Amino acid sequence: MSLYLVRHTTPAIKPGICYGRTDLCLSATAEQEMENVRRRLPNQIDLVFSSPLRRCNILAHRLASTPIRQMAGLCELDFGDWEMQAWDTLSRDALDRWANNVFEYAPPNGEALKSMQQRVLHSWQHICAIHRGINGHTAVITHAGVIRIIHAFEFDWPIERMFEFEIPYGGIVQFSHGDTALKPTLKIL
C-alpha cells in the first residue's frame, strides 16, 4: 500500500503575493482540480492527514471516507509580516538576507525554514508510523514547502536543495513500501 503527498489545488490569490500561513480560499477552478486529483489516486484512501488550512482541508474532505486527522505541523512556512504583501514591495535588503540564509533567517515575526523543517519532519515521522500500522492507502494533503522538505529528507538532500523539486498545485508524490521502509518515487502523478 502507498502513502501519497498531495499539494492543495490553486488558491484564490493574485500572482506575486507572499503567502504561507494565510488561510486562503480556493480559485474558481477548484472543483475541476479536486476531481482531477481524486481520479489520480486509488479509489479507496484509508487514512487522510491534512494541514488545517482551508486550501488543504477542502481537498481532504473531498478525498476522505474516514475522519481527517488535521496536523498543524503540515502547515506552510509562516512569513510573518510578509504575509499577503506583494513580493516586489518587500525590502530588498530583507529579501537578500533571507535569500542568503534561507535556512536560519526568519522574516519579521515569521518562521525560519529550520523551524519549519523540524515541525514537518516530526509530523512526517508520526504519519509514517501510523501508516505502517494500516493495510491501506494514506493521503497527506499539504503545501509545496512541506512536500519539498519531506522530499529532500527522503532523498537525503541538503535542505538547500529542496527548491530544486517542483510540485504543481494538485501534484501528487507517491511513496511505496520497500523492504523495511517507505521509498519515494521520483514521478509526480
N, C-alpha and C. Protein backbone atom coordinates (compact mmCIF):
# COMPACT_ATOMS: atom_id res chain seq x y z
N MET A 1 0.84 -1.17 0.00
CA MET A 1 0.00 0.00 0.00
C MET A 1 0.89 1.24 0.00
N SER A 2 0.33 2.36 -0.43
CA SER A 2 1.14 3.56 -0.64
C SER A 2 0.69 4.72 0.22
N LEU A 3 1.62 5.65 0.37
CA LEU A 3 1.37 6.91 1.03
C LEU A 3 1.55 8.00 -0.01
N TYR A 4 0.57 8.90 -0.12
CA TYR A 4 0.58 9.94 -1.14
C TYR A 4 0.67 11.31 -0.50
N LEU A 5 1.63 12.13 -0.94
CA LEU A 5 1.69 13.53 -0.56
C LEU A 5 0.99 14.31 -1.66
N VAL A 6 0.00 15.10 -1.29
CA VAL A 6 -0.81 15.83 -2.27
C VAL A 6 -0.75 17.32 -1.96
N ARG A 7 -0.36 18.11 -2.95
CA ARG A 7 -0.40 19.56 -2.78
C ARG A 7 -1.82 20.04 -3.02
N HIS A 8 -2.25 20.98 -2.23
CA HIS A 8 -3.58 21.57 -2.40
C HIS A 8 -3.75 22.13 -3.81
N THR A 9 -4.98 22.39 -4.22
CA THR A 9 -5.27 22.96 -5.53
C THR A 9 -5.01 24.47 -5.50
N THR A 10 -5.22 25.13 -6.62
CA THR A 10 -4.88 26.54 -6.78
C THR A 10 -5.65 27.44 -5.81
N PRO A 11 -4.93 28.26 -5.05
CA PRO A 11 -5.63 29.20 -4.16
C PRO A 11 -6.11 30.44 -4.92
N ALA A 12 -7.06 31.13 -4.33
CA ALA A 12 -7.59 32.36 -4.91
C ALA A 12 -6.74 33.53 -4.42
N ILE A 13 -5.68 33.81 -5.17
CA ILE A 13 -4.78 34.91 -4.81
C ILE A 13 -4.10 35.41 -6.07
N LYS A 14 -3.84 36.69 -6.12
CA LYS A 14 -3.16 37.27 -7.28
C LYS A 14 -1.70 36.81 -7.32
N PRO A 15 -1.15 36.66 -8.50
CA PRO A 15 0.28 36.31 -8.59
C PRO A 15 1.15 37.40 -7.95
N GLY A 16 2.29 36.98 -7.42
CA GLY A 16 3.24 37.93 -6.86
C GLY A 16 3.01 38.30 -5.41
N ILE A 17 2.06 37.64 -4.76
CA ILE A 17 1.76 37.92 -3.35
C ILE A 17 2.42 36.84 -2.48
N CYS A 18 3.05 37.26 -1.41
CA CYS A 18 3.69 36.33 -0.46
C CYS A 18 2.61 35.77 0.45
N TYR A 19 2.50 34.47 0.48
CA TYR A 19 1.57 33.83 1.42
C TYR A 19 2.14 32.50 1.86
N GLY A 20 1.81 32.11 3.05
CA GLY A 20 2.22 30.83 3.60
C GLY A 20 1.12 30.35 4.52
N ARG A 21 1.08 30.91 5.72
CA ARG A 21 0.09 30.51 6.72
C ARG A 21 -1.27 31.18 6.53
N THR A 22 -1.37 32.15 5.64
CA THR A 22 -2.66 32.80 5.43
C THR A 22 -3.67 31.76 4.97
N ASP A 23 -4.86 31.80 5.55
CA ASP A 23 -5.90 30.79 5.26
C ASP A 23 -6.71 31.26 4.04
N LEU A 24 -6.25 30.90 2.87
CA LEU A 24 -6.84 31.35 1.61
C LEU A 24 -8.00 30.47 1.15
N CYS A 25 -8.90 31.08 0.39
CA CYS A 25 -9.94 30.33 -0.31
C CYS A 25 -9.32 29.70 -1.56
N LEU A 26 -10.09 28.85 -2.23
CA LEU A 26 -9.62 28.23 -3.46
C LEU A 26 -10.11 29.00 -4.68
N SER A 27 -9.41 28.82 -5.79
CA SER A 27 -9.75 29.50 -7.04
C SER A 27 -11.06 28.95 -7.61
N ALA A 28 -11.53 29.61 -8.64
CA ALA A 28 -12.77 29.20 -9.31
C ALA A 28 -12.64 27.84 -9.99
N THR A 29 -11.41 27.38 -10.22
CA THR A 29 -11.19 26.08 -10.88
C THR A 29 -11.07 24.94 -9.87
N ALA A 30 -11.33 25.19 -8.60
CA ALA A 30 -11.11 24.22 -7.53
C ALA A 30 -11.85 22.91 -7.75
N GLU A 31 -13.13 22.96 -8.10
CA GLU A 31 -13.90 21.72 -8.27
C GLU A 31 -13.28 20.81 -9.31
N GLN A 32 -12.93 21.39 -10.46
CA GLN A 32 -12.32 20.61 -11.53
C GLN A 32 -10.95 20.07 -11.10
N GLU A 33 -10.16 20.88 -10.43
CA GLU A 33 -8.84 20.44 -9.98
C GLU A 33 -8.95 19.33 -8.93
N MET A 34 -9.90 19.46 -8.00
CA MET A 34 -10.06 18.42 -6.98
C MET A 34 -10.52 17.10 -7.59
N GLU A 35 -11.36 17.17 -8.59
CA GLU A 35 -11.80 15.95 -9.28
C GLU A 35 -10.61 15.30 -9.99
N ASN A 36 -9.75 16.11 -10.57
CA ASN A 36 -8.55 15.61 -11.25
C ASN A 36 -7.63 14.90 -10.24
N VAL A 37 -7.47 15.47 -9.06
CA VAL A 37 -6.66 14.83 -8.02
C VAL A 37 -7.30 13.50 -7.63
N ARG A 38 -8.60 13.51 -7.37
CA ARG A 38 -9.30 12.29 -6.95
C ARG A 38 -9.12 11.17 -7.96
N ARG A 39 -9.19 11.48 -9.25
CA ARG A 39 -9.04 10.46 -10.30
C ARG A 39 -7.64 9.86 -10.34
N ARG A 40 -6.63 10.58 -9.91
CA ARG A 40 -5.25 10.08 -9.95
C ARG A 40 -4.85 9.29 -8.71
N LEU A 41 -5.72 9.25 -7.72
CA LEU A 41 -5.46 8.48 -6.50
C LEU A 41 -6.27 7.19 -6.53
N PRO A 42 -5.88 6.21 -5.70
CA PRO A 42 -6.69 4.98 -5.61
C PRO A 42 -8.12 5.31 -5.17
N ASN A 43 -9.05 4.44 -5.55
CA ASN A 43 -10.45 4.66 -5.17
C ASN A 43 -10.64 4.68 -3.66
N GLN A 44 -9.89 3.87 -2.96
CA GLN A 44 -10.03 3.79 -1.51
C GLN A 44 -8.82 4.39 -0.82
N ILE A 45 -9.01 5.52 -0.16
CA ILE A 45 -7.99 6.12 0.69
C ILE A 45 -8.42 5.83 2.12
N ASP A 46 -7.60 5.10 2.85
CA ASP A 46 -7.99 4.61 4.17
C ASP A 46 -7.68 5.57 5.31
N LEU A 47 -6.72 6.45 5.09
CA LEU A 47 -6.30 7.38 6.13
C LEU A 47 -5.93 8.70 5.47
N VAL A 48 -6.45 9.82 6.01
CA VAL A 48 -6.16 11.13 5.43
C VAL A 48 -5.67 12.06 6.54
N PHE A 49 -4.49 12.65 6.30
CA PHE A 49 -3.94 13.70 7.15
C PHE A 49 -4.02 15.00 6.36
N SER A 50 -4.20 16.12 7.06
CA SER A 50 -4.30 17.39 6.36
C SER A 50 -3.74 18.53 7.20
N SER A 51 -3.16 19.49 6.50
CA SER A 51 -2.90 20.79 7.10
C SER A 51 -4.26 21.36 7.49
N PRO A 52 -4.35 22.10 8.58
CA PRO A 52 -5.63 22.67 8.97
C PRO A 52 -6.08 23.85 8.11
N LEU A 53 -5.21 24.33 7.22
CA LEU A 53 -5.59 25.47 6.39
C LEU A 53 -6.65 25.05 5.36
N ARG A 54 -7.58 25.94 5.12
CA ARG A 54 -8.74 25.68 4.26
C ARG A 54 -8.37 25.12 2.89
N ARG A 55 -7.31 25.62 2.27
CA ARG A 55 -6.97 25.16 0.92
C ARG A 55 -6.58 23.69 0.89
N CYS A 56 -6.18 23.13 2.03
CA CYS A 56 -5.89 21.70 2.13
C CYS A 56 -7.10 20.93 2.65
N ASN A 57 -7.75 21.50 3.64
CA ASN A 57 -8.86 20.82 4.30
C ASN A 57 -10.02 20.53 3.35
N ILE A 58 -10.30 21.43 2.44
CA ILE A 58 -11.40 21.21 1.49
C ILE A 58 -11.10 19.99 0.63
N LEU A 59 -9.87 19.89 0.12
CA LEU A 59 -9.48 18.73 -0.69
C LEU A 59 -9.49 17.46 0.16
N ALA A 60 -9.02 17.54 1.39
CA ALA A 60 -9.01 16.37 2.27
C ALA A 60 -10.43 15.83 2.46
N HIS A 61 -11.38 16.71 2.66
CA HIS A 61 -12.77 16.27 2.83
C HIS A 61 -13.32 15.65 1.54
N ARG A 62 -12.86 16.11 0.42
CA ARG A 62 -13.29 15.55 -0.86
C ARG A 62 -12.77 14.12 -1.03
N LEU A 63 -11.58 13.84 -0.50
CA LEU A 63 -10.94 12.53 -0.69
C LEU A 63 -11.27 11.53 0.40
N ALA A 64 -11.64 12.01 1.58
CA ALA A 64 -11.73 11.14 2.75
C ALA A 64 -13.05 10.39 2.83
N SER A 65 -12.96 9.12 3.16
CA SER A 65 -14.15 8.34 3.52
C SER A 65 -14.10 8.02 5.01
N THR A 66 -13.03 8.49 5.67
CA THR A 66 -12.83 8.31 7.10
C THR A 66 -12.56 9.68 7.71
N PRO A 67 -12.57 9.81 9.02
CA PRO A 67 -12.24 11.10 9.65
C PRO A 67 -10.85 11.59 9.24
N ILE A 68 -10.74 12.89 9.08
CA ILE A 68 -9.47 13.51 8.69
C ILE A 68 -8.69 13.87 9.95
N ARG A 69 -7.41 13.59 9.91
CA ARG A 69 -6.53 13.95 11.02
C ARG A 69 -5.78 15.22 10.66
N GLN A 70 -6.20 16.34 11.24
CA GLN A 70 -5.52 17.60 10.98
C GLN A 70 -4.25 17.69 11.82
N MET A 71 -3.19 18.20 11.19
CA MET A 71 -1.90 18.34 11.87
C MET A 71 -1.32 19.72 11.57
N ALA A 72 -1.15 20.52 12.63
CA ALA A 72 -0.58 21.85 12.46
C ALA A 72 0.84 21.77 11.89
N GLY A 73 1.54 20.68 12.13
CA GLY A 73 2.89 20.51 11.60
C GLY A 73 2.96 20.44 10.09
N LEU A 74 1.81 20.28 9.44
CA LEU A 74 1.75 20.21 7.98
C LEU A 74 1.48 21.57 7.33
N CYS A 75 1.45 22.65 8.13
CA CYS A 75 1.22 23.99 7.57
C CYS A 75 2.43 24.49 6.79
N GLU A 76 2.17 25.42 5.92
CA GLU A 76 3.22 26.06 5.13
C GLU A 76 4.03 27.00 6.03
N LEU A 77 5.15 27.49 5.52
CA LEU A 77 6.00 28.43 6.24
C LEU A 77 5.21 29.67 6.65
N ASP A 78 5.47 30.16 7.84
CA ASP A 78 4.86 31.40 8.32
C ASP A 78 5.77 32.55 7.94
N PHE A 79 5.32 33.38 7.00
CA PHE A 79 6.11 34.51 6.54
C PHE A 79 5.95 35.75 7.41
N GLY A 80 5.22 35.64 8.51
CA GLY A 80 5.11 36.75 9.45
C GLY A 80 4.58 38.02 8.80
N ASP A 81 5.33 39.12 8.97
CA ASP A 81 4.90 40.42 8.45
C ASP A 81 4.87 40.47 6.92
N TRP A 82 5.49 39.51 6.27
CA TRP A 82 5.48 39.48 4.81
C TRP A 82 4.19 38.88 4.25
N GLU A 83 3.43 38.17 5.08
CA GLU A 83 2.20 37.53 4.61
C GLU A 83 1.29 38.56 3.93
N MET A 84 0.81 38.19 2.77
CA MET A 84 -0.15 38.96 1.97
C MET A 84 0.40 40.28 1.43
N GLN A 85 1.72 40.40 1.44
CA GLN A 85 2.37 41.56 0.84
C GLN A 85 2.89 41.17 -0.55
N ALA A 86 2.90 42.11 -1.46
CA ALA A 86 3.48 41.84 -2.78
C ALA A 86 5.00 41.68 -2.61
N TRP A 87 5.54 40.63 -3.22
CA TRP A 87 6.98 40.38 -3.11
C TRP A 87 7.78 41.61 -3.52
N ASP A 88 7.33 42.31 -4.57
CA ASP A 88 8.10 43.45 -5.08
C ASP A 88 8.00 44.69 -4.20
N THR A 89 7.22 44.65 -3.13
CA THR A 89 7.14 45.78 -2.21
C THR A 89 7.96 45.53 -0.94
N LEU A 90 8.47 44.32 -0.78
CA LEU A 90 9.25 43.99 0.41
C LEU A 90 10.65 44.59 0.29
N SER A 91 11.25 44.88 1.41
CA SER A 91 12.59 45.46 1.45
C SER A 91 13.59 44.56 0.73
N ARG A 92 14.31 45.14 -0.22
CA ARG A 92 15.33 44.39 -0.96
C ARG A 92 16.39 43.85 -0.02
N ASP A 93 16.76 44.65 0.97
CA ASP A 93 17.77 44.23 1.94
C ASP A 93 17.29 43.01 2.74
N ALA A 94 16.05 43.04 3.19
CA ALA A 94 15.49 41.91 3.96
C ALA A 94 15.38 40.66 3.09
N LEU A 95 14.94 40.83 1.86
CA LEU A 95 14.85 39.69 0.94
C LEU A 95 16.23 39.09 0.67
N ASP A 96 17.24 39.94 0.51
CA ASP A 96 18.60 39.44 0.29
C ASP A 96 19.12 38.68 1.51
N ARG A 97 18.85 39.20 2.73
CA ARG A 97 19.28 38.49 3.95
C ARG A 97 18.61 37.12 4.01
N TRP A 98 17.34 37.07 3.66
CA TRP A 98 16.60 35.81 3.68
C TRP A 98 17.17 34.86 2.62
N ALA A 99 17.36 35.35 1.39
CA ALA A 99 17.87 34.51 0.30
C ALA A 99 19.27 33.98 0.59
N ASN A 100 20.09 34.77 1.28
CA ASN A 100 21.45 34.35 1.59
C ASN A 100 21.54 33.36 2.75
N ASN A 101 20.46 33.23 3.53
CA ASN A 101 20.47 32.30 4.65
C ASN A 101 19.04 31.83 4.92
N VAL A 102 18.42 31.26 3.91
CA VAL A 102 17.01 30.89 3.99
C VAL A 102 16.74 29.87 5.09
N PHE A 103 17.72 29.10 5.46
CA PHE A 103 17.52 28.08 6.48
C PHE A 103 17.43 28.69 7.89
N GLU A 104 18.22 29.69 8.17
CA GLU A 104 18.30 30.28 9.51
C GLU A 104 17.50 31.58 9.66
N TYR A 105 17.35 32.34 8.59
CA TYR A 105 16.73 33.67 8.67
C TYR A 105 15.20 33.55 8.65
N ALA A 106 14.56 34.24 9.56
CA ALA A 106 13.10 34.27 9.60
C ALA A 106 12.63 35.66 9.18
N PRO A 107 11.61 35.73 8.32
CA PRO A 107 11.02 37.03 8.04
C PRO A 107 10.54 37.66 9.36
N PRO A 108 10.42 38.98 9.44
CA PRO A 108 9.99 39.61 10.69
C PRO A 108 8.69 38.98 11.21
N ASN A 109 8.71 38.53 12.46
CA ASN A 109 7.57 37.87 13.11
C ASN A 109 7.15 36.58 12.42
N GLY A 110 8.06 36.00 11.65
CA GLY A 110 7.76 34.77 10.93
C GLY A 110 8.61 33.61 11.41
N GLU A 111 8.74 32.64 10.55
CA GLU A 111 9.37 31.37 10.90
C GLU A 111 10.58 31.12 10.00
N ALA A 112 11.66 30.63 10.56
CA ALA A 112 12.82 30.22 9.77
C ALA A 112 12.55 28.84 9.19
N LEU A 113 13.13 28.57 8.04
CA LEU A 113 12.98 27.27 7.40
C LEU A 113 13.45 26.13 8.30
N LYS A 114 14.46 26.39 9.12
CA LYS A 114 14.97 25.38 10.05
C LYS A 114 13.86 24.95 11.02
N SER A 115 13.10 25.90 11.53
CA SER A 115 11.99 25.58 12.44
C SER A 115 10.90 24.82 11.71
N MET A 116 10.60 25.25 10.49
CA MET A 116 9.59 24.55 9.70
C MET A 116 10.02 23.12 9.45
N GLN A 117 11.28 22.93 9.08
CA GLN A 117 11.79 21.58 8.81
C GLN A 117 11.62 20.68 10.03
N GLN A 118 11.91 21.18 11.20
CA GLN A 118 11.79 20.37 12.42
C GLN A 118 10.34 19.94 12.65
N ARG A 119 9.39 20.87 12.53
CA ARG A 119 7.99 20.51 12.79
C ARG A 119 7.44 19.59 11.71
N VAL A 120 7.84 19.82 10.44
CA VAL A 120 7.37 18.98 9.34
C VAL A 120 7.89 17.55 9.51
N LEU A 121 9.18 17.40 9.79
CA LEU A 121 9.75 16.06 9.91
C LEU A 121 9.21 15.33 11.14
N HIS A 122 8.91 16.05 12.20
CA HIS A 122 8.28 15.43 13.36
C HIS A 122 6.90 14.88 12.95
N SER A 123 6.13 15.67 12.23
CA SER A 123 4.81 15.22 11.75
C SER A 123 4.95 14.05 10.77
N TRP A 124 5.93 14.12 9.88
CA TRP A 124 6.16 13.07 8.88
C TRP A 124 6.47 11.74 9.56
N GLN A 125 7.32 11.77 10.57
CA GLN A 125 7.65 10.53 11.29
C GLN A 125 6.41 9.94 11.96
N HIS A 126 5.58 10.80 12.51
CA HIS A 126 4.34 10.35 13.14
C HIS A 126 3.40 9.72 12.09
N ILE A 127 3.26 10.38 10.96
CA ILE A 127 2.40 9.87 9.88
C ILE A 127 2.91 8.51 9.39
N CYS A 128 4.21 8.40 9.16
CA CYS A 128 4.78 7.14 8.66
C CYS A 128 4.56 6.01 9.66
N ALA A 129 4.69 6.29 10.95
CA ALA A 129 4.48 5.26 11.97
C ALA A 129 3.03 4.77 11.95
N ILE A 130 2.09 5.67 11.82
CA ILE A 130 0.68 5.28 11.76
C ILE A 130 0.40 4.53 10.47
N HIS A 131 0.95 5.02 9.35
CA HIS A 131 0.73 4.38 8.05
C HIS A 131 1.23 2.93 8.05
N ARG A 132 2.36 2.69 8.68
CA ARG A 132 2.90 1.32 8.73
C ARG A 132 1.96 0.37 9.46
N GLY A 133 1.11 0.92 10.32
CA GLY A 133 0.20 0.09 11.09
C GLY A 133 -1.12 -0.22 10.41
N ILE A 134 -1.32 0.30 9.20
CA ILE A 134 -2.57 0.01 8.49
C ILE A 134 -2.26 -0.79 7.24
N ASN A 135 -3.25 -1.44 6.72
CA ASN A 135 -3.11 -2.16 5.46
C ASN A 135 -3.96 -1.42 4.44
N GLY A 136 -3.48 -0.25 4.04
CA GLY A 136 -4.25 0.56 3.12
C GLY A 136 -3.46 1.76 2.64
N HIS A 137 -4.14 2.63 1.91
CA HIS A 137 -3.52 3.83 1.34
C HIS A 137 -3.74 5.02 2.27
N THR A 138 -2.72 5.88 2.34
CA THR A 138 -2.76 7.08 3.15
C THR A 138 -2.51 8.29 2.24
N ALA A 139 -3.28 9.36 2.44
CA ALA A 139 -3.06 10.62 1.72
C ALA A 139 -2.74 11.71 2.74
N VAL A 140 -1.76 12.55 2.39
CA VAL A 140 -1.38 13.69 3.20
C VAL A 140 -1.59 14.93 2.34
N ILE A 141 -2.56 15.75 2.72
CA ILE A 141 -2.90 16.94 1.95
C ILE A 141 -2.19 18.13 2.59
N THR A 142 -1.29 18.75 1.83
CA THR A 142 -0.43 19.76 2.43
C THR A 142 0.03 20.79 1.39
N HIS A 143 1.17 21.39 1.63
CA HIS A 143 1.67 22.53 0.85
C HIS A 143 2.99 22.20 0.18
N ALA A 144 3.36 23.02 -0.80
CA ALA A 144 4.60 22.78 -1.56
C ALA A 144 5.83 22.74 -0.65
N GLY A 145 5.95 23.69 0.28
CA GLY A 145 7.11 23.72 1.16
C GLY A 145 7.24 22.46 2.00
N VAL A 146 6.12 21.97 2.49
CA VAL A 146 6.11 20.74 3.29
C VAL A 146 6.56 19.56 2.44
N ILE A 147 6.00 19.45 1.24
CA ILE A 147 6.36 18.34 0.35
C ILE A 147 7.84 18.42 -0.03
N ARG A 148 8.33 19.61 -0.28
CA ARG A 148 9.76 19.77 -0.62
C ARG A 148 10.67 19.34 0.52
N ILE A 149 10.30 19.69 1.75
CA ILE A 149 11.10 19.29 2.91
C ILE A 149 11.12 17.77 3.04
N ILE A 150 9.96 17.15 2.92
CA ILE A 150 9.89 15.68 3.02
C ILE A 150 10.67 15.03 1.88
N HIS A 151 10.54 15.57 0.68
CA HIS A 151 11.27 15.03 -0.48
C HIS A 151 12.78 15.12 -0.23
N ALA A 152 13.26 16.26 0.23
CA ALA A 152 14.69 16.43 0.49
C ALA A 152 15.15 15.43 1.56
N PHE A 153 14.35 15.26 2.59
CA PHE A 153 14.68 14.32 3.67
C PHE A 153 14.76 12.89 3.14
N GLU A 154 13.76 12.47 2.41
CA GLU A 154 13.69 11.09 1.92
C GLU A 154 14.80 10.77 0.91
N PHE A 155 15.23 11.77 0.14
CA PHE A 155 16.29 11.55 -0.83
C PHE A 155 17.66 11.93 -0.29
N ASP A 156 17.70 12.28 1.01
CA ASP A 156 18.95 12.62 1.69
C ASP A 156 19.65 13.80 1.01
N TRP A 157 18.85 14.79 0.59
CA TRP A 157 19.39 16.02 0.01
C TRP A 157 19.65 17.02 1.13
N PRO A 158 20.64 17.89 0.98
CA PRO A 158 20.75 19.02 1.90
C PRO A 158 19.49 19.90 1.75
N ILE A 159 19.05 20.50 2.83
CA ILE A 159 17.81 21.27 2.80
C ILE A 159 17.86 22.38 1.75
N GLU A 160 19.04 22.90 1.46
CA GLU A 160 19.16 23.97 0.46
C GLU A 160 18.71 23.52 -0.93
N ARG A 161 18.71 22.22 -1.17
CA ARG A 161 18.31 21.70 -2.49
C ARG A 161 16.81 21.52 -2.62
N MET A 162 16.06 21.76 -1.54
CA MET A 162 14.62 21.49 -1.58
C MET A 162 13.91 22.26 -2.68
N PHE A 163 14.44 23.43 -3.05
CA PHE A 163 13.79 24.26 -4.06
C PHE A 163 14.00 23.73 -5.48
N GLU A 164 14.85 22.72 -5.63
CA GLU A 164 15.04 22.09 -6.93
C GLU A 164 13.87 21.19 -7.30
N PHE A 165 13.06 20.85 -6.32
CA PHE A 165 11.93 19.95 -6.54
C PHE A 165 10.66 20.78 -6.73
N GLU A 166 10.08 20.70 -7.90
CA GLU A 166 8.84 21.43 -8.20
C GLU A 166 7.64 20.53 -8.00
N ILE A 167 6.60 21.06 -7.42
CA ILE A 167 5.35 20.32 -7.24
C ILE A 167 4.21 21.27 -7.58
N PRO A 168 3.46 20.97 -8.64
CA PRO A 168 2.38 21.88 -9.05
C PRO A 168 1.17 21.78 -8.11
N TYR A 169 0.28 22.74 -8.22
CA TYR A 169 -0.98 22.65 -7.48
C TYR A 169 -1.67 21.35 -7.88
N GLY A 170 -2.14 20.61 -6.91
CA GLY A 170 -2.78 19.33 -7.18
C GLY A 170 -1.81 18.22 -7.51
N GLY A 171 -0.50 18.48 -7.39
CA GLY A 171 0.52 17.47 -7.67
C GLY A 171 0.54 16.40 -6.58
N ILE A 172 0.95 15.21 -6.96
CA ILE A 172 0.97 14.06 -6.05
C ILE A 172 2.33 13.38 -6.12
N VAL A 173 2.90 13.08 -4.96
CA VAL A 173 4.13 12.29 -4.86
C VAL A 173 3.77 11.01 -4.13
N GLN A 174 4.12 9.88 -4.71
CA GLN A 174 3.78 8.58 -4.14
C GLN A 174 4.99 7.95 -3.45
N PHE A 175 4.76 7.44 -2.24
CA PHE A 175 5.76 6.67 -1.50
C PHE A 175 5.22 5.26 -1.39
N SER A 176 6.04 4.28 -1.75
CA SER A 176 5.63 2.88 -1.70
C SER A 176 6.44 2.14 -0.65
N HIS A 177 5.90 1.03 -0.18
CA HIS A 177 6.62 0.21 0.79
C HIS A 177 7.82 -0.45 0.13
N GLY A 178 8.94 -0.34 0.80
CA GLY A 178 10.12 -1.10 0.41
C GLY A 178 10.23 -2.29 1.35
N ASP A 179 11.41 -2.84 1.48
CA ASP A 179 11.60 -3.99 2.37
C ASP A 179 11.29 -3.63 3.82
N THR A 180 11.78 -2.47 4.26
CA THR A 180 11.58 -2.10 5.66
C THR A 180 11.05 -0.68 5.83
N ALA A 181 10.97 0.08 4.76
CA ALA A 181 10.57 1.48 4.91
C ALA A 181 9.83 1.95 3.66
N LEU A 182 9.28 3.16 3.76
CA LEU A 182 8.70 3.78 2.58
C LEU A 182 9.83 4.20 1.66
N LYS A 183 9.61 4.08 0.37
CA LYS A 183 10.61 4.53 -0.59
C LYS A 183 9.93 5.48 -1.56
N PRO A 184 10.46 6.69 -1.73
CA PRO A 184 9.82 7.65 -2.63
C PRO A 184 10.02 7.30 -4.08
N THR A 185 9.01 7.62 -4.87
CA THR A 185 9.16 7.53 -6.32
C THR A 185 9.49 8.92 -6.81
N LEU A 186 10.11 9.02 -7.93
CA LEU A 186 10.50 10.31 -8.47
C LEU A 186 9.42 10.98 -9.29
N LYS A 187 8.42 10.25 -9.69
CA LYS A 187 7.43 10.87 -10.56
C LYS A 187 6.29 11.52 -9.77
N ILE A 188 5.75 12.54 -10.37
CA ILE A 188 4.57 13.19 -9.83
C ILE A 188 3.39 12.63 -10.59
N LEU A 189 2.40 12.12 -9.87
CA LEU A 189 1.22 11.52 -10.51
C LEU A 189 0.29 12.59 -11.05
